[in-house]
Amino acid sequence: YEKINNVRDSRVRTVRIDQQYRAVVLHPDDGDVYVLVWVDNHDEAM
């Protein structure tokens, strides 16, 4: 899980799908429901 700098939502993380693609996931502050919200090329996902 990688944090993105300068994001509006502090729960946003990216995860590596492969060298080119990242998925965007909401990483809960508490609780245990993670939400995949987007997948794209690395820079576009960020």
All heavy atoms as atom14 arrays in JSON, in Angstrom:
{
  "sequence": "YEKINNVRDSRVRTVRIDQQYRAVVLHPDDGDVYVLVWVDNHDEAM",
  "atom14_mask": [
    [1, 1, 1, 1, 1, 1, 1, 1, 1, 1, 1, 1, 0, 0],
    [1, 1, 1, 1, 1, 1, 1, 1, 1, 0, 0, 0, 0, 0],
    [1, 1, 1, 1, 1, 1, 1, 1, 1, 0, 0, 0, 0, 0],
    [1, 1, 1, 1, 1, 1, 1, 1, 0, 0, 0, 0, 0, 0],
    [1, 1, 1, 1, 1, 1, 1, 1, 0, 0, 0, 0, 0, 0],
    [1, 1, 1, 1, 1, 1, 1, 1, 0, 0, 0, 0, 0, 0],
    [1, 1, 1, 1, 1, 1, 1, 0, 0, 0, 0, 0, 0, 0],
    [1, 1, 1, 1, 1, 1, 1, 1, 1, 1, 1, 0, 0, 0],
    [1, 1, 1, 1, 1, 1, 1, 1, 0, 0, 0, 0, 0, 0],
    [1, 1, 1, 1, 1, 1, 0, 0, 0, 0, 0, 0, 0, 0],
    [1, 1, 1, 1, 1, 1, 1, 1, 1, 1, 1, 0, 0, 0],
    [1, 1, 1, 1, 1, 1, 1, 0, 0, 0, 0, 0, 0, 0],
    [1, 1, 1, 1, 1, 1, 1, 1, 1, 1, 1, 0, 0, 0],
    [1, 1, 1, 1, 1, 1, 1, 0, 0, 0, 0, 0, 0, 0],
    [1, 1, 1, 1, 1, 1, 1, 0, 0, 0, 0, 0, 0, 0],
    [1, 1, 1, 1, 1, 1, 1, 1, 1, 1, 1, 0, 0, 0],
    [1, 1, 1, 1, 1, 1, 1, 1, 0, 0, 0, 0, 0, 0],
    [1, 1, 1, 1, 1, 1, 1, 1, 0, 0, 0, 0, 0, 0],
    [1, 1, 1, 1, 1, 1, 1, 1, 1, 0, 0, 0, 0, 0],
    [1, 1, 1, 1, 1, 1, 1, 1, 1, 0, 0, 0, 0, 0],
    [1, 1, 1, 1, 1, 1, 1, 1, 1, 1, 1, 1, 0, 0],
    [1, 1, 1, 1, 1, 1, 1, 1, 1, 1, 1, 0, 0, 0],
    [1, 1, 1, 1, 1, 0, 0, 0, 0, 0, 0, 0, 0, 0],
    [1, 1, 1, 1, 1, 1, 1, 0, 0, 0, 0, 0, 0, 0],
    [1, 1, 1, 1, 1, 1, 1, 0, 0, 0, 0, 0, 0, 0],
    [1, 1, 1, 1, 1, 1, 1, 1, 0, 0, 0, 0, 0, 0],
    [1, 1, 1, 1, 1, 1, 1, 1, 1, 1, 0, 0, 0, 0],
    [1, 1, 1, 1, 1, 1, 1, 0, 0, 0, 0, 0, 0, 0],
    [1, 1, 1, 1, 1, 1, 1, 1, 0, 0, 0, 0, 0, 0],
    [1, 1, 1, 1, 1, 1, 1, 1, 0, 0, 0, 0, 0, 0],
    [1, 1, 1, 1, 0, 0, 0, 0, 0, 0, 0, 0, 0, 0],
    [1, 1, 1, 1, 1, 1, 1, 1, 0, 0, 0, 0, 0, 0],
    [1, 1, 1, 1, 1, 1, 1, 0, 0, 0, 0, 0, 0, 0],
    [1, 1, 1, 1, 1, 1, 1, 1, 1, 1, 1, 1, 0, 0],
    [1, 1, 1, 1, 1, 1, 1, 0, 0, 0, 0, 0, 0, 0],
    [1, 1, 1, 1, 1, 1, 1, 1, 0, 0, 0, 0, 0, 0],
    [1, 1, 1, 1, 1, 1, 1, 0, 0, 0, 0, 0, 0, 0],
    [1, 1, 1, 1, 1, 1, 1, 1, 1, 1, 1, 1, 1, 1],
    [1, 1, 1, 1, 1, 1, 1, 0, 0, 0, 0, 0, 0, 0],
    [1, 1, 1, 1, 1, 1, 1, 1, 0, 0, 0, 0, 0, 0],
    [1, 1, 1, 1, 1, 1, 1, 1, 0, 0, 0, 0, 0, 0],
    [1, 1, 1, 1, 1, 1, 1, 1, 1, 1, 0, 0, 0, 0],
    [1, 1, 1, 1, 1, 1, 1, 1, 0, 0, 0, 0, 0, 0],
    [1, 1, 1, 1, 1, 1, 1, 1, 1, 0, 0, 0, 0, 0],
    [1, 1, 1, 1, 1, 0, 0, 0, 0, 0, 0, 0, 0, 0],
    [1, 1, 1, 1, 1, 1, 1, 1, 0, 0, 0, 0, 0, 0]
  ],
  "atom14_positions": [
    [[0.86, -1.19, 0.0], [0.0, 0.0, 0.0], [0.89, 1.23, 0.0], [1.75, 1.37, 0.86], [-0.88, 0.04, 1.25], [-1.84, -1.11, 1.37], [-1.57, -2.19, 2.2], [-3.03, -1.11, 0.66], [-2.46, -3.24, 2.32], [-3.92, -2.15, 0.77], [-3.64, -3.22, 1.61], [-4.52, -4.25, 1.73], [0.0, 0.0, 0.0], [0.0, 0.0, 0.0]],
    [[0.7, 2.11, -0.96], [1.5, 3.33, -1.02], [0.6, 4.55, -0.91], [-0.38, 4.67, -1.64], [2.27, 3.41, -2.34], [3.39, 2.41, -2.43], [4.24, 2.6, -3.68], [4.14, 3.65, -4.35], [5.01, 1.68, -3.98], [0.0, 0.0, 0.0], [0.0, 0.0, 0.0], [0.0, 0.0, 0.0], [0.0, 0.0, 0.0], [0.0, 0.0, 0.0]],
    [[0.95, 5.44, 0.02], [0.24, 6.71, 0.15], [0.61, 7.6, -1.02], [1.71, 7.54, -1.54], [0.64, 7.41, 1.44], [-0.27, 7.16, 2.58], [0.07, 8.05, 3.74], [-1.23, 8.62, 4.25], [-1.12, 9.26, 5.52], [0.0, 0.0, 0.0], [0.0, 0.0, 0.0], [0.0, 0.0, 0.0], [0.0, 0.0, 0.0], [0.0, 0.0, 0.0]],
    [[-0.34, 8.44, -1.4], [-0.08, 9.43, -2.44], [0.04, 10.78, -1.74], [-0.8, 11.13, -0.91], [-1.24, 9.49, -3.47], [-1.49, 8.12, -4.09], [-0.95, 10.53, -4.54], [-2.71, 8.08, -4.97], [0.0, 0.0, 0.0], [0.0, 0.0, 0.0], [0.0, 0.0, 0.0], [0.0, 0.0, 0.0], [0.0, 0.0, 0.0], [0.0, 0.0, 0.0]],
    [[1.06, 11.53, -2.06], [1.22, 12.86, -1.47], [0.19, 13.82, -2.05], [-0.2, 13.71, -3.21], [2.63, 13.39, -1.75], [3.68, 12.58, -1.03], [3.46, 12.09, 0.06], [4.82, 12.42, -1.66], [0.0, 0.0, 0.0], [0.0, 0.0, 0.0], [0.0, 0.0, 0.0], [0.0, 0.0, 0.0], [0.0, 0.0, 0.0], [0.0, 0.0, 0.0]],
    [[-0.22, 14.77, -1.25], [-1.13, 15.83, -1.67], [-2.47, 15.32, -2.2], [-2.92, 15.73, -3.26], [-0.47, 16.73, -2.72], [0.81, 17.34, -2.21], [0.89, 17.77, -1.06], [1.83, 17.36, -3.04], [0.0, 0.0, 0.0], [0.0, 0.0, 0.0], [0.0, 0.0, 0.0], [0.0, 0.0, 0.0], [0.0, 0.0, 0.0], [0.0, 0.0, 0.0]],
    [[-3.09, 14.39, -1.46], [-4.42, 13.92, -1.84], [-5.45, 14.52, -0.9], [-5.14, 14.89, 0.24], [-4.53, 12.38, -1.81], [-3.69, 11.74, -2.87], [-4.22, 11.83, -0.46], [0.0, 0.0, 0.0], [0.0, 0.0, 0.0], [0.0, 0.0, 0.0], [0.0, 0.0, 0.0], [0.0, 0.0, 0.0], [0.0, 0.0, 0.0], [0.0, 0.0, 0.0]],
    [[-6.68, 14.63, -1.39], [-7.76, 15.17, -0.56], [-8.21, 14.18, 0.51], [-8.6, 14.56, 1.59], [-8.95, 15.53, -1.43], [-8.72, 16.72, -2.26], [-9.98, 17.05, -2.99], [-10.09, 18.51, -2.96], [-11.12, 19.16, -3.39], [-12.15, 18.52, -3.89], [-11.14, 20.46, -3.34], [0.0, 0.0, 0.0], [0.0, 0.0, 0.0], [0.0, 0.0, 0.0]],
    [[-8.21, 12.89, 0.16], [-8.72, 11.86, 1.06], [-7.53, 11.06, 1.61], [-6.85, 10.36, 0.86], [-9.69, 10.95, 0.3], [-10.51, 10.07, 1.21], [-9.96, 9.59, 2.23], [-11.69, 9.85, 0.9], [0.0, 0.0, 0.0], [0.0, 0.0, 0.0], [0.0, 0.0, 0.0], [0.0, 0.0, 0.0], [0.0, 0.0, 0.0], [0.0, 0.0, 0.0]],
    [[-7.31, 11.16, 2.89], [-6.13, 10.53, 3.5], [-6.19, 9.0, 3.48], [-5.18, 8.35, 3.74], [-5.96, 11.01, 4.94], [-7.07, 10.59, 5.73], [0.0, 0.0, 0.0], [0.0, 0.0, 0.0], [0.0, 0.0, 0.0], [0.0, 0.0, 0.0], [0.0, 0.0, 0.0], [0.0, 0.0, 0.0], [0.0, 0.0, 0.0], [0.0, 0.0, 0.0]],
    [[-7.33, 8.43, 3.16], [-7.44, 6.96, 3.11], [-6.97, 6.38, 1.78], [-6.85, 5.17, 1.64], [-8.9, 6.54, 3.33], [-9.45, 6.97, 4.68], [-10.93, 6.75, 4.74], [-11.57, 7.6, 3.73], [-12.79, 7.41, 3.25], [-13.53, 6.41, 3.69], [-13.29, 8.22, 2.34], [0.0, 0.0, 0.0], [0.0, 0.0, 0.0], [0.0, 0.0, 0.0]],
    [[-6.7, 7.22, 0.8], [-6.33, 6.75, -0.53], [-4.92, 6.16, -0.52], [-3.97, 6.76, -0.01], [-6.42, 7.89, -1.57], [-5.8, 7.48, -2.89], [-7.85, 8.33, -1.76], [0.0, 0.0, 0.0], [0.0, 0.0, 0.0], [0.0, 0.0, 0.0], [0.0, 0.0, 0.0], [0.0, 0.0, 0.0], [0.0, 0.0, 0.0], [0.0, 0.0, 0.0]],
    [[-4.81, 4.98, -1.09], [-3.53, 4.3, -1.3], [-3.55, 3.73, -2.71], [-4.6, 3.55, -3.31], [-3.33, 3.13, -0.33], [-3.47, 3.44, 1.14], [-2.28, 4.24, 1.65], [-2.29, 4.36, 3.09], [-3.0, 5.26, 3.78], [-3.78, 6.11, 3.15], [-2.95, 5.31, 5.1], [0.0, 0.0, 0.0], [0.0, 0.0, 0.0], [0.0, 0.0, 0.0]],
    [[-2.38, 3.44, -3.23], [-2.31, 2.67, -4.47], [-1.65, 1.34, -4.15], [-0.89, 1.22, -3.18], [-1.53, 3.39, -5.59], [-0.18, 3.54, -5.2], [-2.16, 4.72, -5.94], [0.0, 0.0, 0.0], [0.0, 0.0, 0.0], [0.0, 0.0, 0.0], [0.0, 0.0, 0.0], [0.0, 0.0, 0.0], [0.0, 0.0, 0.0], [0.0, 0.0, 0.0]],
    [[-1.95, 0.36, -4.99], [-1.33, -0.96, -4.88], [-0.86, -1.36, -6.26], [-1.48, -1.02, -7.27], [-2.3, -2.01, -4.29], [-2.6, -1.71, -2.83], [-3.58, -2.09, -5.09], [0.0, 0.0, 0.0], [0.0, 0.0, 0.0], [0.0, 0.0, 0.0], [0.0, 0.0, 0.0], [0.0, 0.0, 0.0], [0.0, 0.0, 0.0], [0.0, 0.0, 0.0]],
    [[0.25, -2.06, -6.31], [0.84, -2.46, -7.58], [0.1, -3.66, -8.17], [-0.04, -4.68, -7.51], [2.31, -2.81, -7.38], [2.99, -3.25, -8.67], [4.48, -3.44, -8.52], [5.1, -2.14, -8.36], [5.81, -1.78, -7.3], [6.0, -2.61, -6.31], [6.34, -0.58, -7.23], [0.0, 0.0, 0.0], [0.0, 0.0, 0.0], [0.0, 0.0, 0.0]],
    [[-0.36, -3.49, -9.4], [-0.91, -4.6, -10.16], [0.22, -5.27, -10.95], [0.35, -6.47, -10.98], [-2.04, -4.13, -11.1], [-3.19, -3.49, -10.3], [-2.53, -5.27, -11.97], [-3.85, -4.37, -9.27], [0.0, 0.0, 0.0], [0.0, 0.0, 0.0], [0.0, 0.0, 0.0], [0.0, 0.0, 0.0], [0.0, 0.0, 0.0], [0.0, 0.0, 0.0]],
    [[1.02, -4.44, -11.59], [2.25, -4.87, -12.25], [3.15, -3.65, -12.38], [2.87, -2.61, -11.78], [1.99, -5.59, -13.57], [1.38, -4.7, -14.66], [1.33, -3.46, -14.49], [0.96, -5.25, -15.69], [0.0, 0.0, 0.0], [0.0, 0.0, 0.0], [0.0, 0.0, 0.0], [0.0, 0.0, 0.0], [0.0, 0.0, 0.0], [0.0, 0.0, 0.0]],
    [[4.19, -3.73, -13.16], [5.12, -2.61, -13.29], [4.46, -1.37, -13.9], [4.9, -0.26, -13.65], [6.32, -3.01, -14.15], [7.23, -4.03, -13.48], [7.9, -3.47, -12.25], [7.3, -3.44, -11.17], [9.12, -3.04, -12.38], [0.0, 0.0, 0.0], [0.0, 0.0, 0.0], [0.0, 0.0, 0.0], [0.0, 0.0, 0.0], [0.0, 0.0, 0.0]],
    [[3.41, -1.56, -14.67], [2.77, -0.45, -15.39], [1.48, 0.03, -14.73], [1.17, 1.21, -14.79], [2.47, -0.9, -16.83], [1.83, 0.16, -17.69], [1.5, -0.38, -19.08], [1.68, -1.55, -19.38], [0.99, 0.49, -19.92], [0.0, 0.0, 0.0], [0.0, 0.0, 0.0], [0.0, 0.0, 0.0], [0.0, 0.0, 0.0], [0.0, 0.0, 0.0]],
    [[0.74, -0.86, -14.11], [-0.6, -0.53, -13.62], [-0.66, -0.5, -12.1], [0.0, -1.28, -11.42], [-1.62, -1.54, -14.15], [-1.99, -1.27, -15.59], [-1.19, -1.7, -16.63], [-3.14, -0.55, -15.9], [-1.51, -1.43, -17.95], [-3.47, -0.28, -17.22], [-2.65, -0.72, -18.24], [-2.98, -0.44, -19.53], [0.0, 0.0, 0.0], [0.0, 0.0, 0.0]],
    [[-1.51, 0.43, -11.61], [-1.78, 0.56, -10.17], [-3.28, 0.56, -9.95], [-4.03, 1.06, -10.79], [-1.22, 1.87, -9.61], [0.22, 2.15, -9.83], [1.17, 1.44, -8.97], [1.01, 1.68, -7.55], [1.73, 1.07, -6.63], [2.65, 0.2, -6.99], [1.55, 1.29, -5.37], [0.0, 0.0, 0.0], [0.0, 0.0, 0.0], [0.0, 0.0, 0.0]],
    [[-3.71, 0.03, -8.85], [-5.1, 0.15, -8.43], [-5.15, 1.16, -7.29], [-4.21, 1.27, -6.5], [-5.65, -1.2, -7.96], [0.0, 0.0, 0.0], [0.0, 0.0, 0.0], [0.0, 0.0, 0.0], [0.0, 0.0, 0.0], [0.0, 0.0, 0.0], [0.0, 0.0, 0.0], [0.0, 0.0, 0.0], [0.0, 0.0, 0.0], [0.0, 0.0, 0.0]],
    [[-6.23, 1.89, -7.22], [-6.46, 2.85, -6.15], [-7.42, 2.19, -5.16], [-8.47, 1.69, -5.54], [-7.05, 4.17, -6.7], [-7.32, 5.15, -5.56], [-6.12, 4.78, -7.74], [0.0, 0.0, 0.0], [0.0, 0.0, 0.0], [0.0, 0.0, 0.0], [0.0, 0.0, 0.0], [0.0, 0.0, 0.0], [0.0, 0.0, 0.0], [0.0, 0.0, 0.0]],
    [[-7.03, 2.21, -3.9], [-7.82, 1.56, -2.86], [-8.02, 2.52, -1.69], [-7.14, 3.29, -1.36], [-7.13, 0.24, -2.4], [-5.78, 0.5, -1.78], [-8.0, -0.56, -1.46], [0.0, 0.0, 0.0], [0.0, 0.0, 0.0], [0.0, 0.0, 0.0], [0.0, 0.0, 0.0], [0.0, 0.0, 0.0], [0.0, 0.0, 0.0], [0.0, 0.0, 0.0]],
    [[-9.21, 2.46, -1.11], [-9.45, 3.17, 0.14], [-9.02, 2.24, 1.26], [-9.54, 1.14, 1.4], [-10.93, 3.53, 0.31], [-11.49, 4.54, -0.67], [-12.95, 4.84, -0.31], [-10.68, 5.82, -0.68], [0.0, 0.0, 0.0], [0.0, 0.0, 0.0], [0.0, 0.0, 0.0], [0.0, 0.0, 0.0], [0.0, 0.0, 0.0], [0.0, 0.0, 0.0]],
    [[-8.08, 2.69, 2.03], [-7.5, 1.93, 3.14], [-8.14, 2.48, 4.4], [-7.91, 3.64, 4.76], [-5.99, 2.15, 3.12], [-5.23, 1.3, 4.06], [-5.16, 1.55, 5.41], [-4.49, 0.2, 3.83], [-4.4, 0.64, 5.97], [-3.98, -0.19, 5.04], [0.0, 0.0, 0.0], [0.0, 0.0, 0.0], [0.0, 0.0, 0.0], [0.0, 0.0, 0.0]],
    [[-8.97, 1.7, 5.07], [-9.72, 2.26, 6.21], [-8.83, 2.68, 7.38], [-7.84, 2.02, 7.67], [-10.64, 1.11, 6.62], [-9.95, -0.12, 6.16], [-9.19, 0.27, 4.91], [0.0, 0.0, 0.0], [0.0, 0.0, 0.0], [0.0, 0.0, 0.0], [0.0, 0.0, 0.0], [0.0, 0.0, 0.0], [0.0, 0.0, 0.0], [0.0, 0.0, 0.0]],
    [[-9.22, 3.8, 8.01], [-8.53, 4.23, 9.23], [-8.83, 3.25, 10.35], [-7.98, 2.94, 11.17], [-8.98, 5.63, 9.64], [-8.52, 6.69, 8.64], [-7.44, 6.51, 8.03], [-9.25, 7.68, 8.47], [0.0, 0.0, 0.0], [0.0, 0.0, 0.0], [0.0, 0.0, 0.0], [0.0, 0.0, 0.0], [0.0, 0.0, 0.0], [0.0, 0.0, 0.0]],
    [[-10.06, 2.81, 10.39], [-10.45, 1.75, 11.32], [-11.47, 0.88, 10.59], [-11.94, 1.22, 9.52], [-11.01, 2.32, 12.62], [-12.16, 3.29, 12.41], [-12.71, 3.35, 11.29], [-12.52, 3.99, 13.35], [0.0, 0.0, 0.0], [0.0, 0.0, 0.0], [0.0, 0.0, 0.0], [0.0, 0.0, 0.0], [0.0, 0.0, 0.0], [0.0, 0.0, 0.0]],
    [[-11.78, -0.25, 11.15], [-12.64, -1.18, 10.44], [-11.81, -2.01, 9.48], [-10.58, -1.9, 9.43], [0.0, 0.0, 0.0], [0.0, 0.0, 0.0], [0.0, 0.0, 0.0], [0.0, 0.0, 0.0], [0.0, 0.0, 0.0], [0.0, 0.0, 0.0], [0.0, 0.0, 0.0], [0.0, 0.0, 0.0], [0.0, 0.0, 0.0], [0.0, 0.0, 0.0]],
    [[-12.49, -2.84, 8.73], [-11.73, -3.76, 7.88], [-12.34, -3.94, 6.49], [-12.21, -4.99, 5.89], [-11.57, -5.11, 8.57], [-12.89, -5.73, 8.98], [-13.95, -5.12, 8.73], [-12.87, -6.84, 9.54], [0.0, 0.0, 0.0], [0.0, 0.0, 0.0], [0.0, 0.0, 0.0], [0.0, 0.0, 0.0], [0.0, 0.0, 0.0], [0.0, 0.0, 0.0]],
    [[-12.96, -2.88, 5.97], [-13.47, -2.93, 4.6], [-12.58, -2.04, 3.73], [-12.52, -0.83, 3.93], [-14.94, -2.47, 4.5], [-15.4, -2.48, 3.05], [-15.83, -3.38, 5.35], [0.0, 0.0, 0.0], [0.0, 0.0, 0.0], [0.0, 0.0, 0.0], [0.0, 0.0, 0.0], [0.0, 0.0, 0.0], [0.0, 0.0, 0.0], [0.0, 0.0, 0.0]],
    [[-11.87, -2.66, 2.81], [-11.04, -1.97, 1.84], [-11.86, -1.86, 0.56], [-12.6, -2.78, 0.22], [-9.77, -2.77, 1.55], [-8.85, -2.89, 2.75], [-9.17, -3.7, 3.82], [-7.65, -2.2, 2.78], [-8.32, -3.82, 4.91], [-6.79, -2.31, 3.86], [-7.13, -3.13, 4.93], [-6.3, -3.24, 6.0], [0.0, 0.0, 0.0], [0.0, 0.0, 0.0]],
    [[-11.71, -0.74, -0.16], [-12.52, -0.53, -1.35], [-11.61, -0.2, -2.54], [-10.89, 0.79, -2.51], [-13.54, 0.61, -1.15], [-14.43, 0.75, -2.38], [-14.39, 0.38, 0.1], [0.0, 0.0, 0.0], [0.0, 0.0, 0.0], [0.0, 0.0, 0.0], [0.0, 0.0, 0.0], [0.0, 0.0, 0.0], [0.0, 0.0, 0.0], [0.0, 0.0, 0.0]],
    [[-11.68, -1.04, -3.57], [-10.99, -0.75, -4.82], [-11.84, 0.24, -5.59], [-13.02, -0.02, -5.86], [-10.8, -2.03, -5.64], [-9.75, -3.0, -5.11], [-9.84, -4.34, -5.82], [-8.36, -2.41, -5.28], [0.0, 0.0, 0.0], [0.0, 0.0, 0.0], [0.0, 0.0, 0.0], [0.0, 0.0, 0.0], [0.0, 0.0, 0.0], [0.0, 0.0, 0.0]],
    [[-11.28, 1.39, -5.94], [-12.06, 2.45, -6.57], [-11.63, 2.76, -8.0], [-12.39, 3.37, -8.76], [-12.06, 3.75, -5.73], [-12.79, 3.52, -4.41], [-10.66, 4.27, -5.48], [0.0, 0.0, 0.0], [0.0, 0.0, 0.0], [0.0, 0.0, 0.0], [0.0, 0.0, 0.0], [0.0, 0.0, 0.0], [0.0, 0.0, 0.0], [0.0, 0.0, 0.0]],
    [[-10.41, 2.37, -8.42], [-9.94, 2.69, -9.77], [-8.74, 1.83, -10.11], [-8.01, 1.41, -9.21], [-9.55, 4.17, -9.87], [-9.36, 4.66, -11.26], [-8.16, 4.95, -11.87], [-10.36, 4.92, -12.22], [-8.39, 5.37, -13.16], [-9.75, 5.38, -13.4], [-11.76, 4.82, -12.22], [-10.44, 5.72, -14.55], [-12.45, 5.17, -13.36], [-11.81, 5.61, -14.5]],
    [[-8.51, 1.6, -11.38], [-7.3, 0.93, -11.85], [-6.93, 1.56, -13.18], [-7.79, 1.84, -14.01], [-7.48, -0.6, -11.95], [-8.54, -0.99, -12.96], [-6.17, -1.3, -12.23], [0.0, 0.0, 0.0], [0.0, 0.0, 0.0], [0.0, 0.0, 0.0], [0.0, 0.0, 0.0], [0.0, 0.0, 0.0], [0.0, 0.0, 0.0], [0.0, 0.0, 0.0]],
    [[-5.62, 1.81, -13.36], [-5.17, 2.5, -14.57], [-3.64, 2.41, -14.63], [-3.01, 1.88, -13.72], [-5.59, 3.97, -14.5], [-5.83, 4.6, -15.86], [-5.22, 4.15, -16.86], [-6.61, 5.56, -15.93], [0.0, 0.0, 0.0], [0.0, 0.0, 0.0], [0.0, 0.0, 0.0], [0.0, 0.0, 0.0], [0.0, 0.0, 0.0], [0.0, 0.0, 0.0]],
    [[-3.08, 2.98, -15.7], [-1.63, 3.16, -15.77], [-1.18, 3.93, -14.53], [-1.95, 4.72, -13.96], [-1.25, 3.96, -17.01], [-1.29, 3.13, -18.27], [-0.58, 2.14, -18.38], [-2.13, 3.53, -19.19], [0.0, 0.0, 0.0], [0.0, 0.0, 0.0], [0.0, 0.0, 0.0], [0.0, 0.0, 0.0], [0.0, 0.0, 0.0], [0.0, 0.0, 0.0]],
    [[0.04, 3.71, -14.12], [0.56, 4.29, -12.88], [0.26, 5.78, -12.75], [-0.41, 6.21, -11.8], [2.07, 4.05, -12.81], [2.69, 4.58, -11.57], [3.03, 5.91, -11.42], [3.05, 3.96, -10.42], [3.56, 6.09, -10.23], [3.59, 4.93, -9.61], [0.0, 0.0, 0.0], [0.0, 0.0, 0.0], [0.0, 0.0, 0.0], [0.0, 0.0, 0.0]],
    [[0.73, 6.61, -13.68], [0.57, 8.06, -13.56], [-0.9, 8.49, -13.63], [-1.32, 9.38, -12.9], [1.38, 8.78, -14.63], [2.88, 8.62, -14.44], [3.3, 8.21, -13.33], [3.63, 8.9, -15.39], [0.0, 0.0, 0.0], [0.0, 0.0, 0.0], [0.0, 0.0, 0.0], [0.0, 0.0, 0.0], [0.0, 0.0, 0.0], [0.0, 0.0, 0.0]],
    [[-1.66, 7.85, -14.49], [-3.08, 8.19, -14.62], [-3.85, 7.82, -13.35], [-4.74, 8.55, -12.92], [-3.69, 7.51, -15.85], [-3.24, 8.1, -17.17], [-1.9, 7.58, -17.67], [-1.19, 6.87, -16.93], [-1.54, 7.93, -18.81], [0.0, 0.0, 0.0], [0.0, 0.0, 0.0], [0.0, 0.0, 0.0], [0.0, 0.0, 0.0], [0.0, 0.0, 0.0]],
    [[-3.51, 6.7, -12.76], [-4.17, 6.3, -11.51], [-3.87, 7.3, -10.4], [-4.77, 7.68, -9.64], [-3.73, 4.89, -11.1], [0.0, 0.0, 0.0], [0.0, 0.0, 0.0], [0.0, 0.0, 0.0], [0.0, 0.0, 0.0], [0.0, 0.0, 0.0], [0.0, 0.0, 0.0], [0.0, 0.0, 0.0], [0.0, 0.0, 0.0], [0.0, 0.0, 0.0]],
    [[-2.64, 7.73, -10.31], [-2.25, 8.72, -9.29], [-2.99, 10.03, -9.51], [-3.52, 10.62, -8.57], [-0.75, 8.96, -9.32], [0.07, 7.72, -9.12], [0.03, 7.15, -7.45], [1.69, 7.5, -6.97], [0.0, 0.0, 0.0], [0.0, 0.0, 0.0], [0.0, 0.0, 0.0], [0.0, 0.0, 0.0], [0.0, 0.0, 0.0], [0.0, 0.0, 0.0]]
  ]
}
